[in-house]
Amino acid sequence: MALDTRERVRRAAVKLFADKGFHGTGIRDLATESQLSTASLYHYMGSKEDLLVDIMRRCLQTLLDTATAELADVEDPATRLRKLVKLHVRAHARMPRETRIVDHEIPVLSPAVRRSVIGLRDSYERLWADAVADGVEAGVFTTAHPGVTRLALLEMCTGVARWYSPRGSLPLDELASHYADVALRAVGACSQSAAEGQSRGE
């Protein structure tokens, strides 16, 4: 089935912004990649920043909505952290370009739209912060530096976008589970909580 023209433009933008950066991508590049004339391109894209913001918001909203649904009615901090890590790893493996754009291009946004994008990112990261903080408060996690540990875990999981290949030695689900195990060790999770999460396949 042929792609809708707007979606074709969006996919072209994802490819170019991820590979060349926002400032390194010109309107002519976008038109060529989209197989449109420069004049026609403006009809489907608005401004170049509009395209960038749409990519970022879709990616972050997907992460936030999926994580919120995954964590609904889950109280155990170790289980919540396992779910968050696995979700983050899978998303960065499956959407490496979109997540790379979110991770690297926020500084180029104009102040008004930057605040809204950062707000989405912060809402997502707050789920991580709450899981780690709740684990420390409950005595389930023993890390002495919850904030730094959370940032380290996010960086670790985000890095999957740079190197993951479906042809690698581990299937994605196994890779995500391994990262979850590493994360629980990093927060000093009690072995019983970690074992319970693994036994439930979380």
C-alpha atoms as a PDB file:
ATOM      1  CA  MET A   1       0.000   0.000   0.000  1.00  0.00           C
ATOM      2  CA  ALA A   2       1.366   3.411  -0.955  1.00  0.00           C
ATOM      3  CA  LEU A   3       2.271   5.670   1.951  1.00  0.00           C
ATOM      4  CA  ASP A   4       0.185   8.748   2.611  1.00  0.00           C
ATOM      5  CA  THR A   5       2.218  11.738   1.391  1.00  0.00           C
ATOM      6  CA  ARG A   6       2.378  13.346   4.835  1.00  0.00           C
ATOM      7  CA  GLU A   7       3.666  10.103   6.304  1.00  0.00           C
ATOM      8  CA  ARG A   8       6.219   9.857   3.505  1.00  0.00           C
ATOM      9  CA  VAL A   9       7.459  13.339   4.379  1.00  0.00           C
ATOM     10  CA  ARG A  10       7.575  12.422   8.069  1.00  0.00           C
ATOM     11  CA  ARG A  11       9.593   9.277   7.403  1.00  0.00           C
ATOM     12  CA  ALA A  12      11.988  11.220   5.221  1.00  0.00           C
ATOM     13  CA  ALA A  13      12.449  13.711   8.055  1.00  0.00           C
ATOM     14  CA  VAL A  14      13.090  10.937  10.579  1.00  0.00           C
ATOM     15  CA  LYS A  15      15.791   9.456   8.364  1.00  0.00           C
ATOM     16  CA  LEU A  16      17.489  12.747   7.574  1.00  0.00           C
ATOM     17  CA  PHE A  17      17.275  14.340  11.027  1.00  0.00           C
ATOM     18  CA  ALA A  18      18.698  11.182  12.609  1.00  0.00           C
ATOM     19  CA  ASP A  19      21.492  10.794  10.052  1.00  0.00           C
ATOM     20  CA  LYS A  20      22.419  14.426   9.336  1.00  0.00           C
ATOM     21  CA  GLY A  21      20.942  16.362  12.241  1.00  0.00           C
ATOM     22  CA  PHE A  22      18.255  19.039  12.115  1.00  0.00           C
ATOM     23  CA  HIS A  23      20.594  21.851  11.060  1.00  0.00           C
ATOM     24  CA  GLY A  24      22.374  19.585   8.594  1.00  0.00           C
ATOM     25  CA  THR A  25      19.140  18.801   6.765  1.00  0.00           C
ATOM     26  CA  GLY A  26      17.976  21.269   4.151  1.00  0.00           C
ATOM     27  CA  ILE A  27      14.557  21.715   2.582  1.00  0.00           C
ATOM     28  CA  ARG A  28      15.953  20.400  -0.692  1.00  0.00           C
ATOM     29  CA  ASP A  29      17.162  17.266   1.115  1.00  0.00           C
ATOM     30  CA  LEU A  30      13.681  16.697   2.508  1.00  0.00           C
ATOM     31  CA  ALA A  31      12.059  17.237  -0.878  1.00  0.00           C
ATOM     32  CA  THR A  32      14.424  14.803  -2.592  1.00  0.00           C
ATOM     33  CA  GLU A  33      13.996  12.133   0.074  1.00  0.00           C
ATOM     34  CA  SER A  34      10.203  12.573  -0.031  1.00  0.00           C
ATOM     35  CA  GLN A  35      10.145  12.498  -3.839  1.00  0.00           C
ATOM     36  CA  LEU A  36       8.365  15.853  -3.942  1.00  0.00           C
ATOM     37  CA  SER A  37       9.133  19.243  -5.392  1.00  0.00           C
ATOM     38  CA  THR A  38      10.260  21.869  -2.914  1.00  0.00           C
ATOM     39  CA  ALA A  39       7.035  23.809  -3.504  1.00  0.00           C
ATOM     40  CA  SER A  40       4.873  20.749  -2.865  1.00  0.00           C
ATOM     41  CA  LEU A  41       6.815  19.865   0.265  1.00  0.00           C
ATOM     42  CA  TYR A  42       5.662  22.957   2.154  1.00  0.00           C
ATOM     43  CA  HIS A  43       2.048  21.945   1.623  1.00  0.00           C
ATOM     44  CA  TYR A  44       2.624  18.716   3.566  1.00  0.00           C
ATOM     45  CA  MET A  45       5.121  19.707   6.245  1.00  0.00           C
ATOM     46  CA  GLY A  46       4.510  23.208   7.578  1.00  0.00           C
ATOM     47  CA  SER A  47       7.916  24.351   8.798  1.00  0.00           C
ATOM     48  CA  LYS A  48      10.973  22.172   9.321  1.00  0.00           C
ATOM     49  CA  GLU A  49      10.603  22.690  13.064  1.00  0.00           C
ATOM     50  CA  ASP A  50       6.989  21.519  12.865  1.00  0.00           C
ATOM     51  CA  LEU A  51       8.254  18.230  11.474  1.00  0.00           C
ATOM     52  CA  LEU A  52      10.868  17.906  14.191  1.00  0.00           C
ATOM     53  CA  VAL A  53       8.383  18.632  16.981  1.00  0.00           C
ATOM     54  CA  ASP A  54       5.886  16.134  15.587  1.00  0.00           C
ATOM     55  CA  ILE A  55       8.537  13.394  15.539  1.00  0.00           C
ATOM     56  CA  MET A  56       9.607  14.161  19.101  1.00  0.00           C
ATOM     57  CA  ARG A  57       6.109  14.400  20.528  1.00  0.00           C
ATOM     58  CA  ARG A  58       4.964  11.162  18.905  1.00  0.00           C
ATOM     59  CA  CYS A  59       7.994   9.299  20.212  1.00  0.00           C
ATOM     60  CA  LEU A  60       7.763  10.660  23.746  1.00  0.00           C
ATOM     61  CA  GLN A  61       3.985  10.301  23.955  1.00  0.00           C
ATOM     62  CA  THR A  62       4.267   6.675  22.847  1.00  0.00           C
ATOM     63  CA  LEU A  63       6.870   6.007  25.548  1.00  0.00           C
ATOM     64  CA  LEU A  64       4.801   7.769  28.200  1.00  0.00           C
ATOM     65  CA  ASP A  65       1.500   6.129  27.271  1.00  0.00           C
ATOM     66  CA  THR A  66       3.021   2.654  27.043  1.00  0.00           C
ATOM     67  CA  ALA A  67       4.870   3.024  30.337  1.00  0.00           C
ATOM     68  CA  THR A  68       1.796   4.375  32.124  1.00  0.00           C
ATOM     69  CA  ALA A  69      -0.276   1.436  30.895  1.00  0.00           C
ATOM     70  CA  GLU A  70       2.456  -1.063  31.821  1.00  0.00           C
ATOM     71  CA  LEU A  71       2.747   0.287  35.360  1.00  0.00           C
ATOM     72  CA  ALA A  72      -0.979   0.552  36.071  1.00  0.00           C
ATOM     73  CA  ASP A  73      -1.779  -1.188  39.382  1.00  0.00           C
ATOM     74  CA  VAL A  74       1.865  -2.312  39.814  1.00  0.00           C
ATOM     75  CA  GLU A  75       3.116  -1.335  43.252  1.00  0.00           C
ATOM     76  CA  ASP A  76       6.365  -3.298  43.655  1.00  0.00           C
ATOM     77  CA  PRO A  77       9.272  -0.939  42.749  1.00  0.00           C
ATOM     78  CA  ALA A  78      11.464  -3.746  41.398  1.00  0.00           C
ATOM     79  CA  THR A  79       8.716  -4.898  39.054  1.00  0.00           C
ATOM     80  CA  ARG A  80       8.097  -1.322  37.922  1.00  0.00           C
ATOM     81  CA  LEU A  81      11.777  -0.768  37.220  1.00  0.00           C
ATOM     82  CA  ARG A  82      12.038  -4.035  35.280  1.00  0.00           C
ATOM     83  CA  LYS A  83       9.081  -3.022  33.137  1.00  0.00           C
ATOM     84  CA  LEU A  84      10.490   0.439  32.489  1.00  0.00           C
ATOM     85  CA  VAL A  85      13.905  -0.876  31.513  1.00  0.00           C
ATOM     86  CA  LYS A  86      12.495  -3.484  29.161  1.00  0.00           C
ATOM     87  CA  LEU A  87      10.144  -0.964  27.558  1.00  0.00           C
ATOM     88  CA  HIS A  88      12.973   1.564  27.085  1.00  0.00           C
ATOM     89  CA  VAL A  89      15.329  -0.995  25.576  1.00  0.00           C
ATOM     90  CA  ARG A  90      12.699  -2.293  23.157  1.00  0.00           C
ATOM     91  CA  ALA A  91      11.697   1.212  22.087  1.00  0.00           C
ATOM     92  CA  HIS A  92      15.273   2.284  21.421  1.00  0.00           C
ATOM     93  CA  ALA A  93      15.995  -0.915  19.520  1.00  0.00           C
ATOM     94  CA  ARG A  94      12.859  -0.622  17.372  1.00  0.00           C
ATOM     95  CA  MET A  95      12.883   3.161  16.872  1.00  0.00           C
ATOM     96  CA  PRO A  96      16.580   4.066  16.891  1.00  0.00           C
ATOM     97  CA  ARG A  97      16.197   7.080  14.625  1.00  0.00           C
ATOM     98  CA  GLU A  98      13.221   8.604  16.427  1.00  0.00           C
ATOM     99  CA  THR A  99      14.796   8.165  19.845  1.00  0.00           C
ATOM    100  CA  ARG A 100      18.128   9.531  18.592  1.00  0.00           C
ATOM    101  CA  ILE A 101      16.327  12.661  17.404  1.00  0.00           C
ATOM    102  CA  VAL A 102      14.657  13.120  20.802  1.00  0.00           C
ATOM    103  CA  ASP A 103      17.933  12.570  22.620  1.00  0.00           C
ATOM    104  CA  HIS A 104      20.016  14.983  20.536  1.00  0.00           C
ATOM    105  CA  GLU A 105      17.837  17.657  18.953  1.00  0.00           C
ATOM    106  CA  ILE A 106      15.936  19.256  21.864  1.00  0.00           C
ATOM    107  CA  PRO A 107      18.443  22.161  22.077  1.00  0.00           C
ATOM    108  CA  VAL A 108      17.582  23.313  18.538  1.00  0.00           C
ATOM    109  CA  LEU A 109      13.892  23.876  19.358  1.00  0.00           C
ATOM    110  CA  SER A 110      12.527  27.368  19.881  1.00  0.00           C
ATOM    111  CA  PRO A 111      11.774  28.097  23.563  1.00  0.00           C
ATOM    112  CA  ALA A 112       7.976  27.772  23.385  1.00  0.00           C
ATOM    113  CA  VAL A 113       7.899  24.319  21.826  1.00  0.00           C
ATOM    114  CA  ARG A 114      10.977  23.181  23.732  1.00  0.00           C
ATOM    115  CA  ARG A 115       9.077  23.524  27.003  1.00  0.00           C
ATOM    116  CA  SER A 116       6.274  21.252  25.812  1.00  0.00           C
ATOM    117  CA  VAL A 117       8.673  18.579  24.543  1.00  0.00           C
ATOM    118  CA  ILE A 118      10.735  18.699  27.731  1.00  0.00           C
ATOM    119  CA  GLY A 119       7.493  18.420  29.704  1.00  0.00           C
ATOM    120  CA  LEU A 120       6.687  15.125  27.990  1.00  0.00           C
ATOM    121  CA  ARG A 121      10.216  13.848  28.546  1.00  0.00           C
ATOM    122  CA  ASP A 122      10.119  14.828  32.218  1.00  0.00           C
ATOM    123  CA  SER A 123       6.752  13.107  32.726  1.00  0.00           C
ATOM    124  CA  TYR A 124       8.226   9.894  31.348  1.00  0.00           C
ATOM    125  CA  GLU A 125      11.422  10.137  33.379  1.00  0.00           C
ATOM    126  CA  ARG A 126       9.379  10.859  36.515  1.00  0.00           C
ATOM    127  CA  LEU A 127       8.061   7.293  36.295  1.00  0.00           C
ATOM    128  CA  TRP A 128      11.662   6.109  36.580  1.00  0.00           C
ATOM    129  CA  ALA A 129      12.441   8.504  39.404  1.00  0.00           C
ATOM    130  CA  ASP A 130       9.367   7.389  41.342  1.00  0.00           C
ATOM    131  CA  ALA A 131      10.179   3.700  40.913  1.00  0.00           C
ATOM    132  CA  VAL A 132      13.747   4.168  42.176  1.00  0.00           C
ATOM    133  CA  ALA A 133      12.754   6.495  45.021  1.00  0.00           C
ATOM    134  CA  ASP A 134       9.940   4.185  46.148  1.00  0.00           C
ATOM    135  CA  GLY A 135      12.341   1.255  46.104  1.00  0.00           C
ATOM    136  CA  VAL A 136      14.846   3.091  48.284  1.00  0.00           C
ATOM    137  CA  GLU A 137      12.126   4.233  50.695  1.00  0.00           C
ATOM    138  CA  ALA A 138      10.766   0.703  51.001  1.00  0.00           C
ATOM    139  CA  GLY A 139      14.225  -0.763  51.559  1.00  0.00           C
ATOM    140  CA  VAL A 140      13.958  -2.748  48.330  1.00  0.00           C
ATOM    141  CA  PHE A 141      16.802  -0.790  46.672  1.00  0.00           C
ATOM    142  CA  THR A 142      20.014   0.172  48.425  1.00  0.00           C
ATOM    143  CA  THR A 143      21.591   2.697  46.059  1.00  0.00           C
ATOM    144  CA  ALA A 144      22.987   5.680  47.943  1.00  0.00           C
ATOM    145  CA  HIS A 145      22.497   8.001  44.962  1.00  0.00           C
ATOM    146  CA  PRO A 146      19.038   7.395  43.443  1.00  0.00           C
ATOM    147  CA  GLY A 147      19.096  10.353  41.053  1.00  0.00           C
ATOM    148  CA  VAL A 148      22.504   9.546  39.602  1.00  0.00           C
ATOM    149  CA  THR A 149      21.632   5.868  39.361  1.00  0.00           C
ATOM    150  CA  ARG A 150      18.428   6.671  37.469  1.00  0.00           C
ATOM    151  CA  LEU A 151      20.350   8.820  34.970  1.00  0.00           C
ATOM    152  CA  ALA A 152      22.948   6.085  34.529  1.00  0.00           C
ATOM    153  CA  LEU A 153      20.249   3.502  33.815  1.00  0.00           C
ATOM    154  CA  LEU A 154      18.527   5.740  31.276  1.00  0.00           C
ATOM    155  CA  GLU A 155      21.846   6.359  29.501  1.00  0.00           C
ATOM    156  CA  MET A 156      22.620   2.640  29.514  1.00  0.00           C
ATOM    157  CA  CYS A 157      19.261   1.694  27.993  1.00  0.00           C
ATOM    158  CA  THR A 158      19.262   4.588  25.528  1.00  0.00           C
ATOM    159  CA  GLY A 159      22.607   3.400  24.160  1.00  0.00           C
ATOM    160  CA  VAL A 160      20.894   0.364  22.633  1.00  0.00           C
ATOM    161  CA  ALA A 161      19.772   2.627  19.769  1.00  0.00           C
ATOM    162  CA  ARG A 162      23.396   3.058  18.691  1.00  0.00           C
ATOM    163  CA  TRP A 163      24.340  -0.573  18.272  1.00  0.00           C
ATOM    164  CA  TYR A 164      21.388  -2.969  18.392  1.00  0.00           C
ATOM    165  CA  SER A 165      20.870  -5.234  15.399  1.00  0.00           C
ATOM    166  CA  PRO A 166      18.190  -7.934  15.043  1.00  0.00           C
ATOM    167  CA  ARG A 167      21.009 -10.103  13.677  1.00  0.00           C
ATOM    168  CA  GLY A 168      22.857  -9.902  16.989  1.00  0.00           C
ATOM    169  CA  SER A 169      23.529 -12.740  19.402  1.00  0.00           C
ATOM    170  CA  LEU A 170      20.538 -12.044  21.678  1.00  0.00           C
ATOM    171  CA  PRO A 171      16.879 -11.785  20.638  1.00  0.00           C
ATOM    172  CA  LEU A 172      15.420  -8.429  21.673  1.00  0.00           C
ATOM    173  CA  ASP A 173      13.272  -9.815  24.500  1.00  0.00           C
ATOM    174  CA  GLU A 174      16.274 -11.595  26.021  1.00  0.00           C
ATOM    175  CA  LEU A 175      18.374  -8.457  25.650  1.00  0.00           C
ATOM    176  CA  ALA A 176      15.703  -6.387  27.390  1.00  0.00           C
ATOM    177  CA  SER A 177      15.503  -8.923  30.234  1.00  0.00           C
ATOM    178  CA  HIS A 178      19.283  -8.892  30.614  1.00  0.00           C
ATOM    179  CA  TYR A 179      19.274  -5.114  30.853  1.00  0.00           C
ATOM    180  CA  ALA A 180      16.559  -5.329  33.494  1.00  0.00           C
ATOM    181  CA  ASP A 181      18.752  -7.701  35.520  1.00  0.00           C
ATOM    182  CA  VAL A 182      21.685  -5.279  35.227  1.00  0.00           C
ATOM    183  CA  ALA A 183      19.450  -2.390  36.301  1.00  0.00           C
ATOM    184  CA  LEU A 184      18.267  -4.183  39.425  1.00  0.00           C
ATOM    185  CA  ARG A 185      21.851  -4.930  40.401  1.00  0.00           C
ATOM    186  CA  ALA A 186      22.727  -1.262  39.839  1.00  0.00           C
ATOM    187  CA  VAL A 187      20.060  -0.089  42.314  1.00  0.00           C
ATOM    188  CA  GLY A 188      21.112  -2.738  44.802  1.00  0.00           C
ATOM    189  CA  ALA A 189      17.831  -4.613  44.577  1.00  0.00           C
ATOM    190  CA  CYS A 190      17.240  -7.275  47.191  1.00  0.00           C
ATOM    191  CA  SER A 191      17.734 -10.662  45.566  1.00  0.00           C
ATOM    192  CA  GLN A 192      14.242 -11.802  46.576  1.00  0.00           C
ATOM    193  CA  SER A 193      12.516  -8.920  44.764  1.00  0.00           C
ATOM    194  CA  ALA A 194      14.656  -9.456  41.687  1.00  0.00           C
ATOM    195  CA  ALA A 195      13.919 -13.169  41.684  1.00  0.00           C
ATOM    196  CA  GLU A 196      10.193 -12.548  42.043  1.00  0.00           C
ATOM    197  CA  GLY A 197      10.205 -10.199  39.051  1.00  0.00           C
ATOM    198  CA  GLN A 198      12.069 -12.737  36.932  1.00  0.00           C
ATOM    199  CA  SER A 199       9.742 -15.562  37.939  1.00  0.00           C
ATOM    200  CA  ARG A 200       6.787 -13.515  36.699  1.00  0.00           C
ATOM    201  CA  GLY A 201       8.559 -12.883  33.387  1.00  0.00           C
ATOM    202  CA  GLU A 202       8.597  -9.101  33.960  1.00  0.00           C
END
